[in-house]
Amino acid sequence: MATRPELILASASPRRLALLNQIGIEPEHLVPAHIDETPEKNELPRKLAQRLADQKAIAAQHKARSAGIAGNALVLAADTVVAVGRRILPKAETMEEASMCLHLLSGRNHRVYTAVTMLSVSGAARKRLVETRLRFKRLSTREIESYLASAEWRDKAGGYAIQGIAGAFVVKLVGSYSAVVGLPLNETVGLLSGEGYPVHFNWLNQSTLTSV
């Protein structure tokens, strides 16, 4: 009987871990991958998201192998890019960047691209790219200043976190909410199930617990 694969999450994001936990998945290993996320010249948002997810997965696998923990493990990586048209918004690190993002998004449509890359035990790559369309309300100066003061924007793609205060800014969303948070759950479950990871195991345990 084959040993079930373990799961390596190539991320230090508490949001991605929380999303996996939401569907009953607890990765055996967390192996953050630190890569250069600078867009290439004329790179389209969807291409950037997929390239970064690919690079994170490869970097995490190499790091895990060096630590001796990747022998029977799937590697799951993701990246999220926010864009207005072809313009890629930064992962805001300063208040100035966050302010620029919020003023640009105010009253406008934008798109969020989240790419997921999973490397199998054999090293084969399976990928999914999810595009979600959103529209923000027109933000007042007070709303922008208050949001900036919250510091919730820090290190967030597009300068906002939909699962937090900024959820009040969204007037329309077409696509995957979890993808905007950082990990499209439907697609992730499909990738894991396809490689034999027991995604439903904890669901069965939860059913047993709730029936007691």
N, C-alpha and C. Protein backbone atom coordinates (compact mmCIF):
# COMPACT_ATOMS: atom_id res chain seq x y z
N MET A 1 0.85 -1.20 0.00
CA MET A 1 0.00 0.00 0.00
C MET A 1 0.88 1.24 0.00
N ALA A 2 0.66 2.13 -0.96
CA ALA A 2 1.49 3.32 -1.10
C ALA A 2 1.23 4.28 0.06
N THR A 3 2.31 4.91 0.51
CA THR A 3 2.18 5.92 1.56
C THR A 3 1.60 7.18 0.97
N ARG A 4 0.63 7.76 1.65
CA ARG A 4 0.01 8.98 1.11
C ARG A 4 1.03 10.11 1.12
N PRO A 5 0.96 11.00 0.13
CA PRO A 5 1.92 12.10 0.08
C PRO A 5 1.68 13.12 1.19
N GLU A 6 2.75 13.76 1.60
CA GLU A 6 2.64 14.89 2.53
C GLU A 6 2.44 16.15 1.71
N LEU A 7 2.18 17.26 2.39
CA LEU A 7 1.95 18.51 1.69
C LEU A 7 2.89 19.59 2.22
N ILE A 8 3.57 20.24 1.29
CA ILE A 8 4.41 21.39 1.61
C ILE A 8 3.72 22.63 1.07
N LEU A 9 3.46 23.59 1.93
CA LEU A 9 2.91 24.88 1.50
C LEU A 9 4.07 25.85 1.33
N ALA A 10 4.26 26.31 0.11
CA ALA A 10 5.39 27.20 -0.20
C ALA A 10 5.00 28.64 0.06
N SER A 11 4.67 28.93 1.30
CA SER A 11 4.21 30.28 1.63
C SER A 11 4.32 30.53 3.12
N ALA A 12 4.56 31.81 3.46
CA ALA A 12 4.54 32.22 4.86
C ALA A 12 3.25 32.98 5.15
N SER A 13 2.35 33.00 4.17
CA SER A 13 1.11 33.78 4.30
C SER A 13 0.13 33.12 5.27
N PRO A 14 -0.24 33.80 6.33
CA PRO A 14 -1.23 33.23 7.24
C PRO A 14 -2.59 33.10 6.58
N ARG A 15 -2.83 33.90 5.55
CA ARG A 15 -4.13 33.84 4.86
C ARG A 15 -4.25 32.53 4.08
N ARG A 16 -3.19 32.15 3.39
CA ARG A 16 -3.25 30.89 2.62
C ARG A 16 -3.34 29.68 3.54
N LEU A 17 -2.63 29.72 4.64
CA LEU A 17 -2.72 28.62 5.60
C LEU A 17 -4.13 28.55 6.18
N ALA A 18 -4.71 29.70 6.50
CA ALA A 18 -6.06 29.72 7.07
C ALA A 18 -7.09 29.18 6.07
N LEU A 19 -6.90 29.46 4.79
CA LEU A 19 -7.82 28.95 3.78
C LEU A 19 -7.73 27.43 3.68
N LEU A 20 -6.52 26.89 3.72
CA LEU A 20 -6.37 25.44 3.72
C LEU A 20 -7.00 24.83 4.97
N ASN A 21 -6.78 25.45 6.12
CA ASN A 21 -7.38 24.97 7.37
C ASN A 21 -8.90 25.00 7.28
N GLN A 22 -9.43 25.99 6.58
CA GLN A 22 -10.89 26.13 6.44
C GLN A 22 -11.51 24.90 5.80
N ILE A 23 -10.76 24.26 4.89
CA ILE A 23 -11.29 23.06 4.23
C ILE A 23 -10.66 21.79 4.81
N GLY A 24 -10.18 21.89 6.04
CA GLY A 24 -9.72 20.71 6.75
C GLY A 24 -8.35 20.20 6.38
N ILE A 25 -7.52 21.05 5.80
CA ILE A 25 -6.19 20.63 5.38
C ILE A 25 -5.14 21.34 6.23
N GLU A 26 -4.24 20.56 6.80
CA GLU A 26 -3.12 21.09 7.58
C GLU A 26 -1.84 20.60 6.94
N PRO A 27 -1.12 21.49 6.23
CA PRO A 27 0.13 21.06 5.58
C PRO A 27 1.12 20.48 6.59
N GLU A 28 1.82 19.45 6.18
CA GLU A 28 2.83 18.87 7.06
C GLU A 28 4.04 19.77 7.22
N HIS A 29 4.30 20.59 6.19
CA HIS A 29 5.48 21.45 6.22
C HIS A 29 5.14 22.83 5.64
N LEU A 30 5.69 23.88 6.23
CA LEU A 30 5.61 25.24 5.69
C LEU A 30 7.03 25.61 5.25
N VAL A 31 7.18 25.83 3.97
CA VAL A 31 8.51 26.16 3.42
C VAL A 31 8.38 27.42 2.57
N PRO A 32 8.45 28.59 3.20
CA PRO A 32 8.33 29.84 2.44
C PRO A 32 9.41 29.95 1.38
N ALA A 33 9.01 30.45 0.21
CA ALA A 33 9.96 30.63 -0.89
C ALA A 33 10.13 32.12 -1.13
N HIS A 34 11.33 32.60 -1.00
CA HIS A 34 11.60 34.03 -1.18
C HIS A 34 12.24 34.23 -2.55
N ILE A 35 11.50 34.89 -3.44
CA ILE A 35 11.97 35.10 -4.80
C ILE A 35 11.82 36.58 -5.16
N ASP A 36 12.44 36.97 -6.25
CA ASP A 36 12.28 38.32 -6.78
C ASP A 36 10.94 38.39 -7.50
N GLU A 37 10.05 39.26 -7.01
CA GLU A 37 8.71 39.34 -7.59
C GLU A 37 8.54 40.51 -8.55
N THR A 38 9.65 41.09 -8.99
CA THR A 38 9.59 42.22 -9.91
C THR A 38 9.05 41.79 -11.27
N PRO A 39 8.02 42.47 -11.78
CA PRO A 39 7.51 42.11 -13.11
C PRO A 39 8.57 42.32 -14.19
N GLU A 40 8.55 41.47 -15.19
CA GLU A 40 9.43 41.66 -16.33
C GLU A 40 8.86 42.74 -17.24
N LYS A 41 9.68 43.28 -18.12
CA LYS A 41 9.24 44.35 -19.01
C LYS A 41 8.06 43.89 -19.86
N ASN A 42 6.99 44.68 -19.84
CA ASN A 42 5.78 44.42 -20.61
C ASN A 42 5.08 43.11 -20.22
N GLU A 43 5.38 42.57 -19.05
CA GLU A 43 4.75 41.32 -18.62
C GLU A 43 3.29 41.55 -18.26
N LEU A 44 2.42 40.70 -18.76
CA LEU A 44 1.00 40.82 -18.47
C LEU A 44 0.72 40.29 -17.06
N PRO A 45 -0.33 40.81 -16.40
CA PRO A 45 -0.65 40.40 -15.03
C PRO A 45 -0.82 38.90 -14.85
N ARG A 46 -1.55 38.26 -15.76
CA ARG A 46 -1.78 36.80 -15.62
C ARG A 46 -0.48 36.02 -15.80
N LYS A 47 0.38 36.48 -16.69
CA LYS A 47 1.67 35.81 -16.89
C LYS A 47 2.55 35.95 -15.65
N LEU A 48 2.51 37.13 -15.05
CA LEU A 48 3.30 37.37 -13.84
C LEU A 48 2.85 36.46 -12.70
N ALA A 49 1.55 36.37 -12.50
CA ALA A 49 1.02 35.53 -11.42
C ALA A 49 1.46 34.08 -11.58
N GLN A 50 1.36 33.55 -12.81
CA GLN A 50 1.74 32.16 -13.03
C GLN A 50 3.24 31.95 -12.91
N ARG A 51 4.01 32.90 -13.43
CA ARG A 51 5.47 32.75 -13.35
C ARG A 51 5.94 32.74 -11.89
N LEU A 52 5.37 33.63 -11.08
CA LEU A 52 5.79 33.69 -9.69
C LEU A 52 5.36 32.45 -8.91
N ALA A 53 4.16 31.94 -9.19
CA ALA A 53 3.72 30.71 -8.53
C ALA A 53 4.64 29.56 -8.90
N ASP A 54 5.02 29.48 -10.17
CA ASP A 54 5.94 28.43 -10.63
C ASP A 54 7.28 28.54 -9.90
N GLN A 55 7.82 29.75 -9.86
CA GLN A 55 9.13 29.94 -9.24
C GLN A 55 9.10 29.66 -7.74
N LYS A 56 8.01 30.03 -7.08
CA LYS A 56 7.88 29.74 -5.65
C LYS A 56 7.86 28.23 -5.40
N ALA A 57 7.12 27.51 -6.24
CA ALA A 57 7.03 26.06 -6.07
C ALA A 57 8.40 25.40 -6.25
N ILE A 58 9.11 25.80 -7.28
CA ILE A 58 10.43 25.22 -7.55
C ILE A 58 11.41 25.55 -6.43
N ALA A 59 11.40 26.81 -5.99
CA ALA A 59 12.32 27.23 -4.92
C ALA A 59 12.03 26.49 -3.63
N ALA A 60 10.74 26.31 -3.31
CA ALA A 60 10.37 25.60 -2.08
C ALA A 60 10.75 24.13 -2.16
N GLN A 61 10.58 23.53 -3.34
CA GLN A 61 10.95 22.12 -3.49
C GLN A 61 12.45 21.92 -3.30
N HIS A 62 13.24 22.80 -3.88
CA HIS A 62 14.70 22.71 -3.71
C HIS A 62 15.08 22.88 -2.24
N LYS A 63 14.44 23.83 -1.58
CA LYS A 63 14.72 24.10 -0.17
C LYS A 63 14.33 22.89 0.69
N ALA A 64 13.19 22.30 0.37
CA ALA A 64 12.72 21.14 1.13
C ALA A 64 13.62 19.93 0.91
N ARG A 65 14.06 19.73 -0.32
CA ARG A 65 14.96 18.61 -0.61
C ARG A 65 16.27 18.77 0.15
N SER A 66 16.76 20.01 0.23
CA SER A 66 18.00 20.26 0.97
C SER A 66 17.83 19.93 2.45
N ALA A 67 16.60 20.12 2.94
CA ALA A 67 16.32 19.82 4.35
C ALA A 67 15.89 18.37 4.55
N GLY A 68 15.79 17.61 3.46
CA GLY A 68 15.44 16.20 3.55
C GLY A 68 13.98 15.92 3.83
N ILE A 69 13.08 16.83 3.41
CA ILE A 69 11.65 16.63 3.72
C ILE A 69 10.77 16.55 2.48
N ALA A 70 11.37 16.41 1.31
CA ALA A 70 10.56 16.43 0.09
C ALA A 70 10.48 15.07 -0.60
N GLY A 71 10.90 14.02 0.09
CA GLY A 71 10.93 12.72 -0.55
C GLY A 71 9.58 12.21 -1.02
N ASN A 72 8.52 12.48 -0.26
CA ASN A 72 7.18 12.03 -0.62
C ASN A 72 6.18 13.15 -0.39
N ALA A 73 6.49 14.32 -0.96
CA ALA A 73 5.68 15.50 -0.66
C ALA A 73 5.25 16.23 -1.92
N LEU A 74 4.02 16.71 -1.90
CA LEU A 74 3.52 17.63 -2.91
C LEU A 74 3.89 19.04 -2.48
N VAL A 75 4.20 19.89 -3.43
CA VAL A 75 4.53 21.28 -3.13
C VAL A 75 3.45 22.16 -3.72
N LEU A 76 2.84 22.98 -2.87
CA LEU A 76 1.75 23.86 -3.30
C LEU A 76 2.19 25.31 -3.15
N ALA A 77 2.12 26.06 -4.25
CA ALA A 77 2.51 27.48 -4.23
C ALA A 77 1.45 28.30 -4.94
N ALA A 78 1.34 29.56 -4.56
CA ALA A 78 0.36 30.44 -5.19
C ALA A 78 0.88 31.87 -5.21
N ASP A 79 0.36 32.64 -6.13
CA ASP A 79 0.68 34.07 -6.17
C ASP A 79 -0.53 34.84 -6.67
N THR A 80 -0.72 36.03 -6.10
CA THR A 80 -1.87 36.85 -6.44
C THR A 80 -1.41 38.20 -6.98
N VAL A 81 -1.99 38.58 -8.11
CA VAL A 81 -1.65 39.86 -8.76
C VAL A 81 -2.93 40.65 -8.97
N VAL A 82 -2.91 41.93 -8.60
CA VAL A 82 -4.04 42.83 -8.80
C VAL A 82 -3.69 43.78 -9.93
N ALA A 83 -4.64 43.97 -10.84
CA ALA A 83 -4.35 44.80 -12.01
C ALA A 83 -5.55 45.63 -12.43
N VAL A 84 -5.26 46.81 -12.92
CA VAL A 84 -6.26 47.65 -13.58
C VAL A 84 -5.86 47.69 -15.05
N GLY A 85 -6.61 47.00 -15.88
CA GLY A 85 -6.19 46.84 -17.26
C GLY A 85 -4.91 46.03 -17.30
N ARG A 86 -3.91 46.56 -17.98
CA ARG A 86 -2.60 45.88 -18.05
C ARG A 86 -1.67 46.35 -16.93
N ARG A 87 -2.13 47.32 -16.16
CA ARG A 87 -1.27 47.90 -15.12
C ARG A 87 -1.27 47.02 -13.88
N ILE A 88 -0.11 46.56 -13.49
CA ILE A 88 0.04 45.72 -12.31
C ILE A 88 0.24 46.60 -11.08
N LEU A 89 -0.60 46.40 -10.08
CA LEU A 89 -0.46 47.15 -8.84
C LEU A 89 0.54 46.46 -7.92
N PRO A 90 1.27 47.21 -7.14
CA PRO A 90 2.29 46.60 -6.28
C PRO A 90 1.69 45.94 -5.04
N LYS A 91 2.50 45.11 -4.39
CA LYS A 91 2.20 44.67 -3.04
C LYS A 91 2.67 45.79 -2.14
N ALA A 92 1.72 46.54 -1.63
CA ALA A 92 2.05 47.80 -0.96
C ALA A 92 2.95 47.59 0.26
N GLU A 93 4.07 48.29 0.24
CA GLU A 93 5.00 48.24 1.36
C GLU A 93 5.07 49.58 2.09
N THR A 94 4.64 50.63 1.42
CA THR A 94 4.64 51.97 2.04
C THR A 94 3.24 52.56 1.95
N MET A 95 2.98 53.54 2.80
CA MET A 95 1.68 54.20 2.79
C MET A 95 1.44 54.90 1.46
N GLU A 96 2.50 55.39 0.85
CA GLU A 96 2.38 56.07 -0.44
C GLU A 96 1.90 55.09 -1.51
N GLU A 97 2.47 53.87 -1.51
CA GLU A 97 2.03 52.86 -2.47
C GLU A 97 0.59 52.47 -2.24
N ALA A 98 0.22 52.28 -0.99
CA ALA A 98 -1.16 51.90 -0.67
C ALA A 98 -2.13 53.00 -1.07
N SER A 99 -1.76 54.25 -0.82
CA SER A 99 -2.61 55.38 -1.19
C SER A 99 -2.81 55.43 -2.70
N MET A 100 -1.74 55.22 -3.45
CA MET A 100 -1.83 55.21 -4.90
C MET A 100 -2.79 54.13 -5.37
N CYS A 101 -2.68 52.93 -4.79
CA CYS A 101 -3.55 51.83 -5.17
C CYS A 101 -5.02 52.16 -4.89
N LEU A 102 -5.30 52.66 -3.72
CA LEU A 102 -6.69 52.94 -3.34
C LEU A 102 -7.31 54.03 -4.20
N HIS A 103 -6.54 55.06 -4.52
CA HIS A 103 -7.06 56.12 -5.38
C HIS A 103 -7.31 55.58 -6.79
N LEU A 104 -6.46 54.68 -7.25
CA LEU A 104 -6.64 54.10 -8.58
C LEU A 104 -7.84 53.16 -8.63
N LEU A 105 -8.07 52.39 -7.55
CA LEU A 105 -9.16 51.42 -7.51
C LEU A 105 -10.51 52.07 -7.22
N SER A 106 -10.51 53.24 -6.62
CA SER A 106 -11.76 53.90 -6.21
C SER A 106 -12.73 54.08 -7.38
N GLY A 107 -13.91 53.48 -7.24
CA GLY A 107 -14.95 53.63 -8.25
C GLY A 107 -14.68 52.92 -9.56
N ARG A 108 -13.69 52.01 -9.58
CA ARG A 108 -13.30 51.38 -10.84
C ARG A 108 -13.34 49.86 -10.76
N ASN A 109 -13.39 49.27 -11.94
CA ASN A 109 -13.27 47.81 -12.03
C ASN A 109 -11.79 47.43 -12.02
N HIS A 110 -11.50 46.27 -11.45
CA HIS A 110 -10.15 45.74 -11.54
C HIS A 110 -10.22 44.23 -11.54
N ARG A 111 -9.10 43.59 -11.78
CA ARG A 111 -9.05 42.13 -11.84
C ARG A 111 -7.97 41.61 -10.89
N VAL A 112 -8.27 40.45 -10.33
CA VAL A 112 -7.32 39.77 -9.46
C VAL A 112 -7.01 38.42 -10.09
N TYR A 113 -5.74 38.17 -10.32
CA TYR A 113 -5.29 36.91 -10.91
C TYR A 113 -4.55 36.12 -9.83
N THR A 114 -5.02 34.93 -9.55
CA THR A 114 -4.33 34.06 -8.59
C THR A 114 -3.95 32.77 -9.30
N ALA A 115 -2.66 32.52 -9.32
CA ALA A 115 -2.13 31.31 -9.94
C ALA A 115 -1.73 30.32 -8.87
N VAL A 116 -2.00 29.04 -9.13
CA VAL A 116 -1.62 27.96 -8.22
C VAL A 116 -0.76 26.97 -9.00
N THR A 117 0.37 26.62 -8.43
CA THR A 117 1.24 25.61 -9.02
C THR A 117 1.47 24.50 -8.00
N MET A 118 1.28 23.27 -8.42
CA MET A 118 1.55 22.14 -7.55
C MET A 118 2.54 21.21 -8.23
N LEU A 119 3.61 20.91 -7.50
CA LEU A 119 4.61 19.97 -7.99
C LEU A 119 4.35 18.62 -7.36
N SER A 120 4.24 17.59 -8.18
CA SER A 120 3.99 16.25 -7.68
C SER A 120 5.26 15.66 -7.10
N VAL A 121 5.14 14.50 -6.49
CA VAL A 121 6.31 13.81 -5.94
C VAL A 121 7.34 13.54 -7.03
N SER A 122 6.86 13.28 -8.24
CA SER A 122 7.77 13.01 -9.36
C SER A 122 8.35 14.28 -9.97
N GLY A 123 7.81 15.43 -9.54
CA GLY A 123 8.31 16.70 -10.06
C GLY A 123 7.45 17.30 -11.15
N ALA A 124 6.41 16.59 -11.58
CA ALA A 124 5.51 17.11 -12.61
C ALA A 124 4.72 18.30 -12.05
N ALA A 125 4.49 19.29 -12.90
CA ALA A 125 3.79 20.50 -12.46
C ALA A 125 2.35 20.51 -12.99
N ARG A 126 1.42 20.81 -12.08
CA ARG A 126 0.03 21.02 -12.48
C ARG A 126 -0.34 22.44 -12.05
N LYS A 127 -1.08 23.14 -12.91
CA LYS A 127 -1.31 24.56 -12.68
C LYS A 127 -2.77 24.96 -12.88
N ARG A 128 -3.16 26.01 -12.18
CA ARG A 128 -4.47 26.63 -12.38
C ARG A 128 -4.30 28.14 -12.25
N LEU A 129 -5.02 28.88 -13.08
CA LEU A 129 -5.02 30.34 -12.99
C LEU A 129 -6.46 30.81 -12.90
N VAL A 130 -6.77 31.55 -11.87
CA VAL A 130 -8.14 32.01 -11.63
C VAL A 130 -8.20 33.53 -11.74
N GLU A 131 -9.13 34.01 -12.56
CA GLU A 131 -9.32 35.45 -12.74
C GLU A 131 -10.64 35.86 -12.09
N THR A 132 -10.57 36.86 -11.23
CA THR A 132 -11.76 37.37 -10.55
C THR A 132 -11.90 38.86 -10.85
N ARG A 133 -13.11 39.27 -11.20
CA ARG A 133 -13.36 40.68 -11.51
C ARG A 133 -14.07 41.34 -10.33
N LEU A 134 -13.59 42.52 -9.98
CA LEU A 134 -14.18 43.25 -8.85
C LEU A 134 -14.39 44.71 -9.21
N ARG A 135 -15.29 45.33 -8.45
CA ARG A 135 -15.47 46.77 -8.56
C ARG A 135 -15.55 47.37 -7.17
N PHE A 136 -14.81 48.43 -6.95
CA PHE A 136 -14.85 49.16 -5.69
C PHE A 136 -15.86 50.30 -5.77
N LYS A 137 -16.44 50.63 -4.65
CA LYS A 137 -17.24 51.85 -4.55
C LYS A 137 -16.31 53.05 -4.71
N ARG A 138 -16.88 54.22 -4.92
CA ARG A 138 -16.06 55.42 -4.96
C ARG A 138 -15.69 55.77 -3.52
N LEU A 139 -14.42 55.76 -3.23
CA LEU A 139 -13.96 55.95 -1.86
C LEU A 139 -13.80 57.44 -1.54
N SER A 140 -14.28 57.80 -0.37
CA SER A 140 -14.11 59.18 0.09
C SER A 140 -12.70 59.37 0.64
N THR A 141 -12.31 60.61 0.77
CA THR A 141 -11.00 60.91 1.35
C THR A 141 -10.91 60.35 2.76
N ARG A 142 -11.99 60.45 3.51
CA ARG A 142 -11.98 59.93 4.88
C ARG A 142 -11.82 58.42 4.90
N GLU A 143 -12.48 57.73 3.98
CA GLU A 143 -12.35 56.27 3.93
C GLU A 143 -10.92 55.85 3.59
N ILE A 144 -10.32 56.53 2.64
CA ILE A 144 -8.95 56.19 2.26
C ILE A 144 -7.99 56.47 3.41
N GLU A 145 -8.13 57.64 4.02
CA GLU A 145 -7.23 57.99 5.13
C GLU A 145 -7.40 57.04 6.31
N SER A 146 -8.63 56.65 6.59
CA SER A 146 -8.88 55.74 7.71
C SER A 146 -8.32 54.35 7.41
N TYR A 147 -8.47 53.92 6.17
CA TYR A 147 -7.94 52.59 5.81
C TYR A 147 -6.42 52.59 5.87
N LEU A 148 -5.82 53.66 5.40
CA LEU A 148 -4.36 53.75 5.48
C LEU A 148 -3.89 53.71 6.92
N ALA A 149 -4.64 54.35 7.81
CA ALA A 149 -4.27 54.37 9.23
C ALA A 149 -4.38 52.99 9.87
N SER A 150 -5.21 52.13 9.29
CA SER A 150 -5.39 50.78 9.85
C SER A 150 -4.17 49.89 9.63
N ALA A 151 -3.37 50.24 8.61
CA ALA A 151 -2.18 49.46 8.23
C ALA A 151 -2.52 48.06 7.73
N GLU A 152 -3.80 47.78 7.47
CA GLU A 152 -4.21 46.47 6.96
C GLU A 152 -3.67 46.23 5.56
N TRP A 153 -3.34 47.29 4.86
CA TRP A 153 -2.88 47.23 3.48
C TRP A 153 -1.46 46.68 3.34
N ARG A 154 -0.71 46.66 4.42
CA ARG A 154 0.72 46.38 4.34
C ARG A 154 0.99 44.99 3.74
N ASP A 155 1.82 44.97 2.69
CA ASP A 155 2.24 43.75 1.99
C ASP A 155 1.08 43.04 1.32
N LYS A 156 0.02 43.78 0.99
CA LYS A 156 -1.12 43.19 0.29
C LYS A 156 -1.09 43.62 -1.18
N ALA A 157 -1.35 42.69 -2.08
CA ALA A 157 -1.42 43.00 -3.50
C ALA A 157 -2.54 44.01 -3.74
N GLY A 158 -2.21 45.09 -4.42
CA GLY A 158 -3.21 46.12 -4.68
C GLY A 158 -3.49 47.02 -3.50
N GLY A 159 -2.80 46.78 -2.38
CA GLY A 159 -2.96 47.65 -1.22
C GLY A 159 -4.23 47.43 -0.42
N TYR A 160 -4.83 46.23 -0.54
CA TYR A 160 -6.02 45.97 0.28
C TYR A 160 -6.17 44.49 0.58
N ALA A 161 -6.94 44.20 1.63
CA ALA A 161 -7.24 42.81 2.01
C ALA A 161 -8.76 42.66 2.03
N ILE A 162 -9.30 41.90 1.10
CA ILE A 162 -10.75 41.79 0.97
C ILE A 162 -11.38 41.12 2.18
N GLN A 163 -10.61 40.26 2.88
CA GLN A 163 -11.16 39.56 4.03
C GLN A 163 -11.20 40.43 5.28
N GLY A 164 -10.72 41.67 5.16
CA GLY A 164 -10.72 42.59 6.29
C GLY A 164 -11.64 43.77 6.05
N ILE A 165 -11.21 44.92 6.51
CA ILE A 165 -12.01 46.14 6.39
C ILE A 165 -12.39 46.45 4.95
N ALA A 166 -11.46 46.19 4.03
CA ALA A 166 -11.69 46.55 2.63
C ALA A 166 -12.83 45.76 1.99
N GLY A 167 -13.32 44.73 2.67
CA GLY A 167 -14.50 44.04 2.16
C GLY A 167 -15.68 44.98 2.00
N ALA A 168 -15.68 46.07 2.78
CA ALA A 168 -16.76 47.05 2.71
C ALA A 168 -16.67 47.93 1.47
N PHE A 169 -15.54 47.85 0.75
CA PHE A 169 -15.37 48.67 -0.46
C PHE A 169 -15.90 47.97 -1.71
N VAL A 170 -16.11 46.66 -1.63
CA VAL A 170 -16.45 45.87 -2.82
C VAL A 170 -17.95 45.92 -3.10
N VAL A 171 -18.31 46.42 -4.27
CA VAL A 171 -19.71 46.47 -4.65
C VAL A 171 -20.07 45.35 -5.64
N LYS A 172 -19.04 44.74 -6.26
CA LYS A 172 -19.30 43.66 -7.20
C LYS A 172 -18.10 42.73 -7.24
N LEU A 173 -18.38 41.43 -7.26
CA LEU A 173 -17.32 40.42 -7.38
C LEU A 173 -17.84 39.30 -8.26
N VAL A 174 -17.11 39.02 -9.32
CA VAL A 174 -17.46 37.92 -10.23
C VAL A 174 -16.27 36.98 -10.29
N GLY A 175 -16.42 35.80 -9.72
CA GLY A 175 -15.31 34.85 -9.70
C GLY A 175 -15.16 34.21 -8.34
N SER A 176 -13.92 34.05 -7.90
CA SER A 176 -13.62 33.32 -6.67
C SER A 176 -13.19 34.25 -5.55
N TYR A 177 -13.99 34.29 -4.49
CA TYR A 177 -13.63 35.11 -3.32
C TYR A 177 -12.34 34.59 -2.69
N SER A 178 -12.22 33.27 -2.53
CA SER A 178 -11.02 32.73 -1.88
C SER A 178 -9.77 33.01 -2.70
N ALA A 179 -9.91 33.10 -4.03
CA ALA A 179 -8.76 33.43 -4.87
C ALA A 179 -8.27 34.85 -4.58
N VAL A 180 -9.21 35.75 -4.33
CA VAL A 180 -8.84 37.13 -4.01
C VAL A 180 -8.11 37.18 -2.66
N VAL A 181 -8.56 36.35 -1.72
CA VAL A 181 -7.88 36.27 -0.43
C VAL A 181 -6.47 35.72 -0.61
N GLY A 182 -6.30 34.78 -1.56
CA GLY A 182 -4.95 34.28 -1.81
C GLY A 182 -4.83 32.85 -2.29
N LEU A 183 -5.95 32.08 -2.27
CA LEU A 183 -5.87 30.69 -2.71
C LEU A 183 -7.25 30.22 -3.16
N PRO A 184 -7.45 29.93 -4.45
CA PRO A 184 -8.74 29.45 -4.94
C PRO A 184 -9.00 28.02 -4.45
N LEU A 185 -9.94 27.86 -3.56
CA LEU A 185 -10.11 26.57 -2.89
C LEU A 185 -10.62 25.47 -3.81
N ASN A 186 -11.55 25.79 -4.68
CA ASN A 186 -12.08 24.75 -5.58
C ASN A 186 -10.96 24.17 -6.44
N GLU A 187 -10.15 25.02 -7.03
CA GLU A 187 -9.07 24.56 -7.90
C GLU A 187 -7.99 23.84 -7.10
N THR A 188 -7.72 24.32 -5.89
CA THR A 188 -6.70 23.69 -5.05
C THR A 188 -7.09 22.28 -4.65
N VAL A 189 -8.35 22.09 -4.28
CA VAL A 189 -8.84 20.76 -3.93
C VAL A 189 -8.72 19.83 -5.13
N GLY A 190 -9.04 20.34 -6.31
CA GLY A 190 -8.93 19.52 -7.51
C GLY A 190 -7.50 19.07 -7.78
N LEU A 191 -6.55 19.97 -7.61
CA LEU A 191 -5.15 19.63 -7.82
C LEU A 191 -4.67 18.59 -6.82
N LEU A 192 -5.01 18.79 -5.55
CA LEU A 192 -4.57 17.86 -4.51
C LEU A 192 -5.22 16.49 -4.68
N SER A 193 -6.50 16.47 -4.95
CA SER A 193 -7.20 15.20 -5.12
C SER A 193 -6.61 14.41 -6.29
N GLY A 194 -6.24 15.13 -7.35
CA GLY A 194 -5.69 14.47 -8.54
C GLY A 194 -4.36 13.79 -8.28
N GLU A 195 -3.68 14.19 -7.20
CA GLU A 195 -2.39 13.58 -6.86
C GLU A 195 -2.50 12.64 -5.66
N GLY A 196 -3.72 12.31 -5.27
CA GLY A 196 -3.91 11.34 -4.21
C GLY A 196 -3.81 11.89 -2.79
N TYR A 197 -3.83 13.20 -2.64
CA TYR A 197 -3.80 13.75 -1.28
C TYR A 197 -5.19 13.62 -0.67
N PRO A 198 -5.29 13.13 0.56
CA PRO A 198 -6.61 12.83 1.16
C PRO A 198 -7.33 14.07 1.67
N VAL A 199 -7.80 14.90 0.74
CA VAL A 199 -8.43 16.17 1.13
C VAL A 199 -9.72 15.97 1.93
N HIS A 200 -10.38 14.82 1.74
CA HIS A 200 -11.67 14.60 2.40
C HIS A 200 -11.54 13.88 3.75
N PHE A 201 -10.35 13.50 4.12
CA PHE A 201 -10.15 12.73 5.34
C PHE A 201 -10.67 13.47 6.57
N ASN A 202 -10.27 14.72 6.71
CA ASN A 202 -10.70 15.48 7.88
C ASN A 202 -12.17 15.87 7.81
N TRP A 203 -12.74 15.90 6.61
CA TRP A 203 -14.17 16.16 6.50
C TRP A 203 -14.94 15.02 7.16
N LEU A 204 -14.49 13.79 6.95
CA LEU A 204 -15.14 12.63 7.54
C LEU A 204 -14.99 12.66 9.07
N ASN A 205 -13.80 13.05 9.54
CA ASN A 205 -13.59 13.16 10.99
C ASN A 205 -14.47 14.24 11.60
N GLN A 206 -14.61 15.35 10.87
CA GLN A 206 -15.43 16.44 11.38
C GLN A 206 -16.88 16.01 11.48
N SER A 207 -17.33 15.24 10.51
CA SER A 207 -18.71 14.73 10.53
C SER A 207 -18.93 13.85 11.77
N THR A 208 -17.93 13.04 12.09
CA THR A 208 -18.04 12.17 13.26
C THR A 208 -18.11 12.97 14.54
N LEU A 209 -17.28 14.03 14.61
CA LEU A 209 -17.24 14.85 15.81
C LEU A 209 -18.55 15.61 16.02
N THR A 210 -19.10 16.16 14.94
CA THR A 210 -20.30 16.97 15.07
C THR A 210 -21.54 16.12 15.35
N SER A 211 -21.46 14.82 15.06
CA SER A 211 -22.62 13.96 15.29
C SER A 211 -22.66 13.40 16.70
N VAL A 212 -21.53 13.61 17.44
CA VAL A 212 -21.48 13.07 18.82
C VAL A 212 -22.27 13.97 19.76
